[in-house]
Amino acid sequence: MTKSQLDKAADAAREVLSKIEDVALVVKGDLENLSGIADAAEANLDDLYESTEILCREIVDTLQLPSDPVALATVQAIDNVLALLLEAKNYLEHGQSLAALGTLQMFDNNADDLKAAIRLNVMAQRRQK
């Protein structure tokens, strides 16, 4: 079975991380053999390694996201609606009813976006049949 492009990219990101880990361990060992500047250099190397590990994880996570534009638009619409509802709830809990009303008006506009995304999903499902 052949691998998908996403799987190949994820494998490449994992390979890059593995090579960085190997180099970091070698350099760290060399620095331990030196005196004086080793502590500062080791701290910088640790920072570099951690940053690289985070970057590689983000690459793999990004590659695992759905690439379907309809799905991405739907997820974005859902996120927007949820954020606005939570914001309106927070305003209401703190007695800021005017701010809540403005937020709920924006919610109404974003709800239309969600309805459109739902229609796009229905159309996409019909096309797949």
N, C-alpha and C. Protein backbone atom coordinates (compact mmCIF):
# COMPACT_ATOMS: atom_id res chain seq x y z
N MET A 1 0.84 -1.18 0.00
CA MET A 1 0.00 0.00 0.00
C MET A 1 0.89 1.24 0.00
N THR A 2 0.62 2.17 -0.89
CA THR A 2 1.43 3.38 -0.97
C THR A 2 0.94 4.39 0.05
N LYS A 3 1.89 5.20 0.49
CA LYS A 3 1.58 6.22 1.49
C LYS A 3 1.02 7.46 0.81
N SER A 4 0.13 8.14 1.54
CA SER A 4 -0.42 9.40 1.03
C SER A 4 0.63 10.50 1.17
N GLN A 5 0.38 11.61 0.50
CA GLN A 5 1.30 12.74 0.59
C GLN A 5 1.42 13.22 2.03
N LEU A 6 0.31 13.22 2.76
CA LEU A 6 0.34 13.66 4.16
C LEU A 6 1.20 12.72 5.01
N ASP A 7 1.07 11.42 4.78
CA ASP A 7 1.89 10.46 5.52
C ASP A 7 3.36 10.63 5.20
N LYS A 8 3.67 10.86 3.91
CA LYS A 8 5.06 11.07 3.53
C LYS A 8 5.63 12.33 4.19
N ALA A 9 4.84 13.39 4.22
CA ALA A 9 5.30 14.64 4.85
C ALA A 9 5.47 14.46 6.35
N ALA A 10 4.55 13.74 6.98
CA ALA A 10 4.67 13.48 8.42
C ALA A 10 5.92 12.65 8.71
N ASP A 11 6.18 11.65 7.87
CA ASP A 11 7.39 10.84 8.03
C ASP A 11 8.65 11.70 7.88
N ALA A 12 8.63 12.61 6.92
CA ALA A 12 9.77 13.51 6.70
C ALA A 12 9.99 14.40 7.92
N ALA A 13 8.90 14.91 8.49
CA ALA A 13 9.03 15.75 9.69
C ALA A 13 9.60 14.95 10.85
N ARG A 14 9.16 13.71 10.99
CA ARG A 14 9.68 12.86 12.07
C ARG A 14 11.17 12.56 11.84
N GLU A 15 11.56 12.36 10.58
CA GLU A 15 12.96 12.09 10.26
C GLU A 15 13.83 13.30 10.58
N VAL A 16 13.33 14.49 10.24
CA VAL A 16 14.07 15.73 10.56
C VAL A 16 14.26 15.83 12.07
N LEU A 17 13.20 15.58 12.82
CA LEU A 17 13.31 15.65 14.27
C LEU A 17 14.31 14.63 14.80
N SER A 18 14.30 13.44 14.24
CA SER A 18 15.25 12.40 14.67
C SER A 18 16.69 12.82 14.41
N LYS A 19 16.95 13.39 13.24
CA LYS A 19 18.31 13.83 12.92
C LYS A 19 18.73 14.98 13.83
N ILE A 20 17.81 15.89 14.12
CA ILE A 20 18.12 17.00 15.02
C ILE A 20 18.44 16.47 16.41
N GLU A 21 17.67 15.49 16.87
CA GLU A 21 17.94 14.88 18.17
C GLU A 21 19.34 14.27 18.20
N ASP A 22 19.70 13.55 17.13
CA ASP A 22 21.02 12.93 17.07
C ASP A 22 22.13 13.97 17.14
N VAL A 23 22.01 15.03 16.35
CA VAL A 23 23.02 16.08 16.34
C VAL A 23 23.08 16.76 17.71
N ALA A 24 21.91 17.02 18.29
CA ALA A 24 21.87 17.68 19.59
C ALA A 24 22.58 16.84 20.65
N LEU A 25 22.37 15.53 20.62
CA LEU A 25 23.02 14.66 21.60
C LEU A 25 24.54 14.65 21.41
N VAL A 26 25.00 14.63 20.17
CA VAL A 26 26.44 14.64 19.90
C VAL A 26 27.05 15.95 20.37
N VAL A 27 26.42 17.06 20.00
CA VAL A 27 26.94 18.37 20.39
C VAL A 27 26.89 18.53 21.90
N LYS A 28 25.84 18.06 22.52
CA LYS A 28 25.72 18.15 23.97
C LYS A 28 26.84 17.36 24.64
N GLY A 29 27.14 16.18 24.11
CA GLY A 29 28.24 15.39 24.65
C GLY A 29 29.57 16.09 24.49
N ASP A 30 29.78 16.70 23.33
CA ASP A 30 31.02 17.45 23.10
C ASP A 30 31.13 18.63 24.06
N LEU A 31 30.03 19.30 24.29
CA LEU A 31 30.05 20.47 25.18
C LEU A 31 30.33 20.07 26.63
N GLU A 32 29.85 18.89 27.00
CA GLU A 32 30.10 18.42 28.37
C GLU A 32 31.59 18.19 28.59
N ASN A 33 32.32 17.89 27.51
CA ASN A 33 33.75 17.66 27.61
C ASN A 33 34.54 18.97 27.71
N LEU A 34 33.92 20.07 27.31
CA LEU A 34 34.58 21.37 27.41
C LEU A 34 34.31 21.97 28.78
N SER A 35 35.13 22.95 29.15
CA SER A 35 34.89 23.63 30.43
C SER A 35 34.54 25.08 30.17
N GLY A 36 33.98 25.74 31.15
CA GLY A 36 33.70 27.17 31.05
C GLY A 36 32.42 27.48 30.32
N ILE A 37 32.47 27.54 28.99
CA ILE A 37 31.32 27.98 28.21
C ILE A 37 30.29 26.87 27.99
N ALA A 38 30.58 25.71 28.47
CA ALA A 38 29.71 24.56 28.20
C ALA A 38 28.30 24.77 28.74
N ASP A 39 28.17 25.35 29.94
CA ASP A 39 26.84 25.50 30.53
C ASP A 39 25.96 26.42 29.69
N ALA A 40 26.51 27.57 29.27
CA ALA A 40 25.74 28.51 28.45
C ALA A 40 25.41 27.90 27.10
N ALA A 41 26.38 27.24 26.48
CA ALA A 41 26.15 26.63 25.18
C ALA A 41 25.13 25.50 25.29
N GLU A 42 25.20 24.75 26.37
CA GLU A 42 24.26 23.65 26.56
C GLU A 42 22.84 24.17 26.73
N ALA A 43 22.68 25.28 27.47
CA ALA A 43 21.36 25.88 27.65
C ALA A 43 20.80 26.35 26.31
N ASN A 44 21.66 26.97 25.49
CA ASN A 44 21.22 27.42 24.17
C ASN A 44 20.84 26.23 23.29
N LEU A 45 21.59 25.17 23.38
CA LEU A 45 21.31 23.97 22.60
C LEU A 45 19.98 23.34 23.04
N ASP A 46 19.76 23.32 24.36
CA ASP A 46 18.50 22.79 24.86
C ASP A 46 17.32 23.61 24.34
N ASP A 47 17.47 24.94 24.34
CA ASP A 47 16.42 25.81 23.81
C ASP A 47 16.17 25.52 22.33
N LEU A 48 17.25 25.37 21.57
CA LEU A 48 17.13 25.06 20.16
C LEU A 48 16.42 23.74 19.94
N TYR A 49 16.80 22.75 20.70
CA TYR A 49 16.20 21.43 20.58
C TYR A 49 14.70 21.48 20.90
N GLU A 50 14.34 22.16 21.99
CA GLU A 50 12.94 22.25 22.37
C GLU A 50 12.13 22.98 21.30
N SER A 51 12.69 24.07 20.77
CA SER A 51 11.99 24.82 19.72
C SER A 51 11.80 23.97 18.48
N THR A 52 12.81 23.21 18.13
CA THR A 52 12.73 22.34 16.95
C THR A 52 11.70 21.25 17.16
N GLU A 53 11.67 20.69 18.34
CA GLU A 53 10.70 19.63 18.64
C GLU A 53 9.27 20.17 18.54
N ILE A 54 9.05 21.36 19.07
CA ILE A 54 7.72 21.97 19.00
C ILE A 54 7.35 22.23 17.54
N LEU A 55 8.28 22.74 16.76
CA LEU A 55 8.03 23.02 15.35
C LEU A 55 7.67 21.74 14.61
N CYS A 56 8.42 20.69 14.83
CA CYS A 56 8.14 19.42 14.14
C CYS A 56 6.77 18.86 14.55
N ARG A 57 6.42 19.00 15.83
CA ARG A 57 5.11 18.55 16.28
C ARG A 57 4.01 19.34 15.58
N GLU A 58 4.22 20.65 15.46
CA GLU A 58 3.23 21.49 14.79
C GLU A 58 3.10 21.12 13.32
N ILE A 59 4.23 20.78 12.69
CA ILE A 59 4.19 20.36 11.28
C ILE A 59 3.35 19.09 11.15
N VAL A 60 3.62 18.12 12.01
CA VAL A 60 2.87 16.86 11.95
C VAL A 60 1.39 17.10 12.24
N ASP A 61 1.09 17.92 13.25
CA ASP A 61 -0.30 18.22 13.57
C ASP A 61 -1.01 18.92 12.42
N THR A 62 -0.30 19.85 11.78
CA THR A 62 -0.88 20.58 10.65
C THR A 62 -1.16 19.63 9.49
N LEU A 63 -0.25 18.71 9.27
CA LEU A 63 -0.44 17.77 8.16
C LEU A 63 -1.61 16.84 8.40
N GLN A 64 -1.97 16.65 9.66
CA GLN A 64 -3.07 15.75 9.97
C GLN A 64 -4.43 16.44 9.94
N LEU A 65 -4.44 17.77 9.74
CA LEU A 65 -5.69 18.49 9.64
C LEU A 65 -6.39 18.14 8.34
N PRO A 66 -7.70 18.22 8.34
CA PRO A 66 -8.40 17.95 7.08
C PRO A 66 -8.05 19.00 6.04
N SER A 67 -7.87 18.57 4.81
CA SER A 67 -7.50 19.51 3.75
C SER A 67 -8.70 19.89 2.90
N ASP A 68 -9.86 19.37 3.22
CA ASP A 68 -11.08 19.66 2.49
C ASP A 68 -11.52 21.09 2.81
N PRO A 69 -11.60 21.97 1.82
CA PRO A 69 -11.95 23.38 2.09
C PRO A 69 -13.34 23.54 2.70
N VAL A 70 -14.26 22.67 2.33
CA VAL A 70 -15.61 22.75 2.91
C VAL A 70 -15.54 22.40 4.40
N ALA A 71 -14.78 21.36 4.74
CA ALA A 71 -14.65 20.98 6.14
C ALA A 71 -13.95 22.07 6.93
N LEU A 72 -12.90 22.65 6.34
CA LEU A 72 -12.19 23.73 7.03
C LEU A 72 -13.09 24.94 7.26
N ALA A 73 -13.89 25.29 6.28
CA ALA A 73 -14.82 26.43 6.43
C ALA A 73 -15.86 26.13 7.49
N THR A 74 -16.32 24.90 7.54
CA THR A 74 -17.31 24.52 8.54
C THR A 74 -16.73 24.58 9.94
N VAL A 75 -15.52 24.07 10.10
CA VAL A 75 -14.86 24.13 11.40
C VAL A 75 -14.67 25.58 11.84
N GLN A 76 -14.25 26.43 10.92
CA GLN A 76 -14.05 27.85 11.23
C GLN A 76 -15.37 28.50 11.63
N ALA A 77 -16.44 28.20 10.91
CA ALA A 77 -17.75 28.77 11.24
C ALA A 77 -18.21 28.32 12.62
N ILE A 78 -18.00 27.05 12.94
CA ILE A 78 -18.37 26.53 14.26
C ILE A 78 -17.55 27.23 15.34
N ASP A 79 -16.25 27.35 15.12
CA ASP A 79 -15.39 28.04 16.10
C ASP A 79 -15.85 29.47 16.34
N ASN A 80 -16.20 30.18 15.26
CA ASN A 80 -16.65 31.57 15.39
C ASN A 80 -17.94 31.66 16.20
N VAL A 81 -18.89 30.79 15.89
CA VAL A 81 -20.18 30.80 16.60
C VAL A 81 -19.96 30.49 18.09
N LEU A 82 -19.15 29.48 18.37
CA LEU A 82 -18.89 29.12 19.77
C LEU A 82 -18.22 30.26 20.53
N ALA A 83 -17.24 30.89 19.90
CA ALA A 83 -16.53 31.99 20.56
C ALA A 83 -17.47 33.14 20.87
N LEU A 84 -18.34 33.46 19.92
CA LEU A 84 -19.27 34.56 20.15
C LEU A 84 -20.29 34.23 21.23
N LEU A 85 -20.76 33.00 21.28
CA LEU A 85 -21.69 32.60 22.33
C LEU A 85 -21.04 32.69 23.70
N LEU A 86 -19.81 32.22 23.81
CA LEU A 86 -19.11 32.30 25.09
C LEU A 86 -18.87 33.74 25.50
N GLU A 87 -18.54 34.59 24.53
CA GLU A 87 -18.33 36.00 24.82
C GLU A 87 -19.63 36.66 25.30
N ALA A 88 -20.73 36.38 24.62
CA ALA A 88 -22.02 36.94 25.02
C ALA A 88 -22.41 36.44 26.41
N LYS A 89 -22.19 35.19 26.68
CA LYS A 89 -22.50 34.62 28.00
C LYS A 89 -21.69 35.34 29.08
N ASN A 90 -20.41 35.56 28.81
CA ASN A 90 -19.55 36.25 29.77
C ASN A 90 -20.05 37.67 30.03
N TYR A 91 -20.44 38.37 28.97
CA TYR A 91 -20.98 39.73 29.15
C TYR A 91 -22.25 39.71 30.00
N LEU A 92 -23.14 38.76 29.73
CA LEU A 92 -24.38 38.68 30.49
C LEU A 92 -24.13 38.35 31.96
N GLU A 93 -23.16 37.48 32.21
CA GLU A 93 -22.83 37.12 33.59
C GLU A 93 -22.27 38.30 34.37
N HIS A 94 -21.67 39.24 33.66
CA HIS A 94 -21.08 40.40 34.33
C HIS A 94 -21.95 41.66 34.20
N GLY A 95 -23.21 41.46 33.83
CA GLY A 95 -24.16 42.57 33.79
C GLY A 95 -23.96 43.55 32.66
N GLN A 96 -23.26 43.15 31.62
CA GLN A 96 -23.01 44.03 30.48
C GLN A 96 -23.94 43.64 29.33
N SER A 97 -25.22 43.95 29.52
CA SER A 97 -26.22 43.49 28.56
C SER A 97 -26.10 44.15 27.19
N LEU A 98 -25.65 45.40 27.14
CA LEU A 98 -25.50 46.06 25.85
C LEU A 98 -24.38 45.41 25.03
N ALA A 99 -23.27 45.10 25.69
CA ALA A 99 -22.17 44.40 25.00
C ALA A 99 -22.62 43.01 24.56
N ALA A 100 -23.42 42.36 25.41
CA ALA A 100 -23.93 41.03 25.05
C ALA A 100 -24.82 41.12 23.82
N LEU A 101 -25.65 42.17 23.75
CA LEU A 101 -26.54 42.35 22.61
C LEU A 101 -25.74 42.54 21.32
N GLY A 102 -24.69 43.35 21.38
CA GLY A 102 -23.83 43.55 20.21
C GLY A 102 -23.16 42.25 19.77
N THR A 103 -22.71 41.48 20.75
CA THR A 103 -22.07 40.19 20.44
C THR A 103 -23.08 39.22 19.84
N LEU A 104 -24.30 39.23 20.36
CA LEU A 104 -25.33 38.34 19.81
C LEU A 104 -25.72 38.74 18.40
N GLN A 105 -25.62 40.03 18.08
CA GLN A 105 -25.88 40.46 16.70
C GLN A 105 -24.80 39.88 15.77
N MET A 106 -23.54 39.92 16.23
CA MET A 106 -22.47 39.31 15.43
C MET A 106 -22.68 37.81 15.33
N PHE A 107 -23.20 37.20 16.40
CA PHE A 107 -23.52 35.77 16.38
C PHE A 107 -24.52 35.48 15.27
N ASP A 108 -25.53 36.32 15.16
CA ASP A 108 -26.55 36.13 14.14
C ASP A 108 -25.93 36.11 12.74
N ASN A 109 -25.00 37.03 12.49
CA ASN A 109 -24.31 37.07 11.19
C ASN A 109 -23.48 35.81 10.98
N ASN A 110 -22.77 35.36 12.03
CA ASN A 110 -21.94 34.16 11.90
C ASN A 110 -22.78 32.90 11.80
N ALA A 111 -23.98 32.92 12.38
CA ALA A 111 -24.88 31.78 12.25
C ALA A 111 -25.26 31.58 10.78
N ASP A 112 -25.39 32.69 10.04
CA ASP A 112 -25.66 32.58 8.60
C ASP A 112 -24.49 31.90 7.89
N ASP A 113 -23.26 32.22 8.31
CA ASP A 113 -22.08 31.55 7.74
C ASP A 113 -22.12 30.05 8.02
N LEU A 114 -22.53 29.69 9.23
CA LEU A 114 -22.61 28.28 9.59
C LEU A 114 -23.69 27.58 8.76
N LYS A 115 -24.81 28.24 8.56
CA LYS A 115 -25.86 27.66 7.73
C LYS A 115 -25.35 27.42 6.30
N ALA A 116 -24.59 28.38 5.79
CA ALA A 116 -24.02 28.22 4.44
C ALA A 116 -23.03 27.06 4.41
N ALA A 117 -22.24 26.92 5.46
CA ALA A 117 -21.29 25.80 5.53
C ALA A 117 -22.03 24.47 5.58
N ILE A 118 -23.12 24.45 6.30
CA ILE A 118 -23.92 23.21 6.36
C ILE A 118 -24.45 22.87 4.96
N ARG A 119 -24.94 23.89 4.26
CA ARG A 119 -25.43 23.65 2.89
C ARG A 119 -24.31 23.13 1.99
N LEU A 120 -23.11 23.70 2.13
CA LEU A 120 -21.97 23.22 1.33
C LEU A 120 -21.64 21.77 1.65
N ASN A 121 -21.72 21.40 2.93
CA ASN A 121 -21.47 20.01 3.31
C ASN A 121 -22.50 19.07 2.70
N VAL A 122 -23.76 19.49 2.71
CA VAL A 122 -24.82 18.66 2.12
C VAL A 122 -24.56 18.49 0.63
N MET A 123 -24.20 19.59 -0.04
CA MET A 123 -23.92 19.51 -1.48
C MET A 123 -22.72 18.60 -1.74
N ALA A 124 -21.68 18.70 -0.92
CA ALA A 124 -20.49 17.85 -1.11
C ALA A 124 -20.85 16.38 -0.92
N GLN A 125 -21.71 16.10 0.06
CA GLN A 125 -22.11 14.71 0.28
C GLN A 125 -22.92 14.18 -0.90
N ARG A 126 -23.75 15.02 -1.47
CA ARG A 126 -24.54 14.59 -2.64
C ARG A 126 -23.64 14.28 -3.82
N ARG A 127 -22.59 15.08 -3.99
CA ARG A 127 -21.67 14.86 -5.11
C ARG A 127 -20.91 13.56 -4.96
N GLN A 128 -20.66 13.15 -3.72
CA GLN A 128 -19.85 11.93 -3.48
C GLN A 128 -20.67 10.68 -3.75
N LYS A 129 -21.98 10.78 -3.79
CA LYS A 129 -22.82 9.60 -4.01
C LYS A 129 -22.84 9.18 -5.44
